[in-house]
Each structure stands twice: as C-alpha cells, then as structure tokens.
Amino acid sequence: MMNKNTVLGWATFIMIVVGVALIAMGAFRYDDVAGWGFASVGIGFFAIAWVFNALKGRV
C-alpha cells in the first residue's frame, strides 16, 4: 500500500530524473539559446523535487 510519504518519495525521484534529462538535453543536444532554456527548466524541476522531499513526513 502506498501512503502519502511513498507517493511524495516517488514524485521526488521522478522529478529528479526528468530534471537530469532536461539539463542533459540542454547541455549536449542544443548549442543555442534553447539549451539554456532546457537547463533552466531542469533546475526548476530540481527545486520542485526539493519541495516534495521537504514535504515528506509533514503531510
């Protein structure tokens, strides 16, 4: 059975994976301004994952 903390843990893990993928796309796939956009969105995913991790145990 998945409780709230397990769901937040999985959400944190998925957000970190997507954030790493976006930063990697920005660094290795795109050489122009779009790469900066992908990287900044990836950093935003890290920030949201940090919030999800901070909410574990408090919800």
Protein backbone atom coordinates (compact mmCIF):
# COMPACT_ATOMS: atom_id res chain seq x y z
CA MET A 1 0.00 0.00 0.00
CA MET A 2 1.33 3.41 -0.94
CA ASN A 3 0.85 6.11 1.66
CA LYS A 4 1.42 9.85 1.21
CA ASN A 5 5.12 9.68 2.04
CA THR A 6 5.71 6.93 -0.53
CA VAL A 7 3.90 8.93 -3.21
CA LEU A 8 5.99 12.01 -2.40
CA GLY A 9 9.16 9.90 -2.49
CA TRP A 10 8.33 8.56 -5.94
CA ALA A 11 7.35 12.02 -7.15
CA THR A 12 10.70 13.36 -5.92
CA PHE A 13 12.58 10.58 -7.71
CA ILE A 14 10.69 11.11 -10.98
CA MET A 15 11.23 14.88 -10.83
CA ILE A 16 14.98 14.40 -10.30
CA VAL A 17 15.18 12.01 -13.27
CA VAL A 18 13.29 14.42 -15.53
CA GLY A 19 15.41 17.35 -14.28
CA VAL A 20 18.63 15.50 -15.08
CA ALA A 21 17.27 14.60 -18.53
CA LEU A 22 16.36 18.22 -19.26
CA ILE A 23 19.74 19.52 -18.11
CA ALA A 24 21.48 16.86 -20.21
CA MET A 25 19.41 17.85 -23.25
CA GLY A 26 20.30 21.49 -22.70
CA ALA A 27 23.99 20.68 -22.31
CA PHE A 28 24.51 18.09 -25.03
CA ARG A 29 21.68 18.37 -27.58
CA TYR A 30 21.14 22.09 -28.11
CA ASP A 31 24.01 24.52 -28.67
CA ASP A 32 22.00 27.72 -28.95
CA VAL A 33 19.71 29.65 -26.61
CA ALA A 34 17.27 26.71 -26.38
CA GLY A 35 19.90 24.81 -24.38
CA TRP A 36 19.80 27.47 -21.69
CA GLY A 37 16.02 27.16 -21.57
CA PHE A 38 16.12 23.39 -21.17
CA ALA A 39 18.76 23.68 -18.43
CA SER A 40 16.82 26.32 -16.51
CA VAL A 41 13.64 24.23 -16.64
CA GLY A 42 15.67 21.26 -15.38
CA ILE A 43 16.87 23.34 -12.43
CA GLY A 44 13.22 24.25 -11.78
CA PHE A 45 12.39 20.54 -11.66
CA PHE A 46 15.13 20.13 -9.03
CA ALA A 47 13.56 22.93 -6.97
CA ILE A 48 10.12 21.29 -7.08
CA ALA A 49 11.67 17.92 -6.18
CA TRP A 50 13.32 19.60 -3.19
CA VAL A 51 9.92 20.88 -2.04
CA PHE A 52 8.37 17.41 -2.44
CA ASN A 53 11.21 15.93 -0.39
CA ALA A 54 10.71 18.57 2.32
CA LEU A 55 7.00 17.73 2.50
CA LYS A 56 7.60 14.06 3.29
CA GLY A 57 6.50 13.37 6.85
CA ARG A 58 4.64 16.67 7.16
CA VAL A 59 1.55 15.98 5.07
